[in-house]
């Protein structure tokens, strides 16, 4: 089971390795932490993301990485 978990964490890290946007590159450790420990690290990752000022063009890999974490956190879901 530990091998599966370790292997699963490699995929997001590999995605993070192709990110070229400087602002998102700074967020990668926070985003990876949120993937590894969603119950404890998602909120801090979103807080860092919300405080980020983007001044560079966001490439596709950067956008995907950010959007996936926002989706996981329920950003954009209707409040009932």
C-alpha atoms as a PDB file:
ATOM      1  CA  UNK A   1       0.000   0.000   0.000  1.00  0.00           C
ATOM      2  CA  UNK A   2       2.837   2.400   0.779  1.00  0.00           C
ATOM      3  CA  UNK A   3       4.341   1.732  -2.645  1.00  0.00           C
ATOM      4  CA  UNK A   4       1.052   2.638  -4.333  1.00  0.00           C
ATOM      5  CA  UNK A   5       0.802   5.863  -2.339  1.00  0.00           C
ATOM      6  CA  UNK A   6       4.398   6.791  -3.158  1.00  0.00           C
ATOM      7  CA  UNK A   7       3.844   6.049  -6.854  1.00  0.00           C
ATOM      8  CA  UNK A   8       0.640   8.100  -6.866  1.00  0.00           C
ATOM      9  CA  UNK A   9       2.556  11.092  -5.521  1.00  0.00           C
ATOM     10  CA  UNK A  10       5.055  10.890  -8.387  1.00  0.00           C
ATOM     11  CA  UNK A  11       2.488  11.818 -11.039  1.00  0.00           C
ATOM     12  CA  UNK A  12       1.660  15.288  -9.653  1.00  0.00           C
ATOM     13  CA  UNK A  13       5.357  15.873  -9.060  1.00  0.00           C
ATOM     14  CA  UNK A  14       6.032  15.048 -12.705  1.00  0.00           C
ATOM     15  CA  UNK A  15       3.290  17.459 -13.763  1.00  0.00           C
ATOM     16  CA  UNK A  16       4.869  20.062 -11.517  1.00  0.00           C
ATOM     17  CA  UNK A  17       8.186  19.563 -13.252  1.00  0.00           C
ATOM     18  CA  UNK A  18       6.816  20.869 -16.589  1.00  0.00           C
ATOM     19  CA  UNK A  19       5.291  24.030 -15.145  1.00  0.00           C
ATOM     20  CA  UNK A  20       6.928  27.163 -16.518  1.00  0.00           C
ATOM     21  CA  UNK A  21       4.938  29.917 -14.828  1.00  0.00           C
ATOM     22  CA  UNK A  22       7.048  31.436 -12.026  1.00  0.00           C
ATOM     23  CA  UNK A  23       4.066  32.143  -9.795  1.00  0.00           C
ATOM     24  CA  UNK A  24       2.728  28.592 -10.067  1.00  0.00           C
ATOM     25  CA  UNK A  25       6.223  27.139  -9.625  1.00  0.00           C
ATOM     26  CA  UNK A  26       6.284  28.785  -6.202  1.00  0.00           C
ATOM     27  CA  UNK A  27       2.928  27.142  -5.414  1.00  0.00           C
ATOM     28  CA  UNK A  28       3.888  23.597  -6.441  1.00  0.00           C
ATOM     29  CA  UNK A  29       5.041  22.509  -2.962  1.00  0.00           C
ATOM     30  CA  UNK A  30       1.739  23.713  -1.479  1.00  0.00           C
ATOM     31  CA  UNK A  31      -0.301  22.032  -4.206  1.00  0.00           C
ATOM     32  CA  UNK A  32       1.602  18.756  -3.858  1.00  0.00           C
ATOM     33  CA  UNK A  33       1.101  18.874  -0.094  1.00  0.00           C
ATOM     34  CA  UNK A  34      -2.641  19.294  -0.668  1.00  0.00           C
ATOM     35  CA  UNK A  35      -2.651  16.209  -2.874  1.00  0.00           C
ATOM     36  CA  UNK A  36      -0.686  14.171  -0.346  1.00  0.00           C
ATOM     37  CA  UNK A  37      -2.753  15.307   2.654  1.00  0.00           C
ATOM     38  CA  UNK A  38      -6.028  16.816   1.428  1.00  0.00           C
ATOM     39  CA  UNK A  39      -7.650  17.054   4.859  1.00  0.00           C
ATOM     40  CA  UNK A  40      -4.903  19.213   6.320  1.00  0.00           C
ATOM     41  CA  UNK A  41      -3.156  20.907   3.418  1.00  0.00           C
ATOM     42  CA  UNK A  42      -5.900  21.914   0.959  1.00  0.00           C
ATOM     43  CA  UNK A  43      -7.052  25.029   2.807  1.00  0.00           C
ATOM     44  CA  UNK A  44      -3.519  26.417   3.273  1.00  0.00           C
ATOM     45  CA  UNK A  45      -2.767  25.706  -0.405  1.00  0.00           C
ATOM     46  CA  UNK A  46      -5.878  27.580  -1.503  1.00  0.00           C
ATOM     47  CA  UNK A  47      -5.014  30.491   0.777  1.00  0.00           C
ATOM     48  CA  UNK A  48      -1.575  30.759  -0.823  1.00  0.00           C
ATOM     49  CA  UNK A  49      -3.145  30.496  -4.286  1.00  0.00           C
ATOM     50  CA  UNK A  50      -5.640  33.263  -3.477  1.00  0.00           C
ATOM     51  CA  UNK A  51      -2.839  35.559  -2.313  1.00  0.00           C
ATOM     52  CA  UNK A  52      -0.811  35.037  -5.483  1.00  0.00           C
ATOM     53  CA  UNK A  53      -0.515  37.942  -7.910  1.00  0.00           C
ATOM     54  CA  UNK A  54      -0.046  36.689 -11.457  1.00  0.00           C
ATOM     55  CA  UNK A  55       2.074  38.828 -13.758  1.00  0.00           C
ATOM     56  CA  UNK A  56       3.143  36.145 -16.267  1.00  0.00           C
ATOM     57  CA  UNK A  57       1.215  34.147 -18.819  1.00  0.00           C
ATOM     58  CA  UNK A  58      -0.071  30.877 -17.377  1.00  0.00           C
ATOM     59  CA  UNK A  59       0.887  27.833 -19.470  1.00  0.00           C
ATOM     60  CA  UNK A  60      -1.446  24.836 -19.828  1.00  0.00           C
ATOM     61  CA  UNK A  61       0.366  22.645 -17.280  1.00  0.00           C
ATOM     62  CA  UNK A  62       0.262  25.431 -14.697  1.00  0.00           C
ATOM     63  CA  UNK A  63      -3.412  26.067 -15.287  1.00  0.00           C
ATOM     64  CA  UNK A  64      -4.309  22.389 -15.001  1.00  0.00           C
ATOM     65  CA  UNK A  65      -2.377  21.976 -11.761  1.00  0.00           C
ATOM     66  CA  UNK A  66      -4.110  24.991 -10.197  1.00  0.00           C
ATOM     67  CA  UNK A  67      -7.594  24.150 -11.461  1.00  0.00           C
ATOM     68  CA  UNK A  68      -7.437  20.557 -10.264  1.00  0.00           C
ATOM     69  CA  UNK A  69      -6.691  21.662  -6.732  1.00  0.00           C
ATOM     70  CA  UNK A  70      -9.473  24.245  -6.798  1.00  0.00           C
ATOM     71  CA  UNK A  71     -11.907  21.653  -8.120  1.00  0.00           C
ATOM     72  CA  UNK A  72     -10.926  19.183  -5.412  1.00  0.00           C
ATOM     73  CA  UNK A  73     -11.584  21.841  -2.789  1.00  0.00           C
ATOM     74  CA  UNK A  74     -15.048  22.498  -4.189  1.00  0.00           C
ATOM     75  CA  UNK A  75     -14.334  25.993  -5.465  1.00  0.00           C
ATOM     76  CA  UNK A  76     -17.177  26.981  -7.767  1.00  0.00           C
ATOM     77  CA  UNK A  77     -19.735  24.523  -6.389  1.00  0.00           C
ATOM     78  CA  UNK A  78     -23.143  25.875  -5.600  1.00  0.00           C
ATOM     79  CA  UNK A  79     -23.836  26.545  -1.947  1.00  0.00           C
ATOM     80  CA  UNK A  80     -27.028  24.885  -0.783  1.00  0.00           C
END
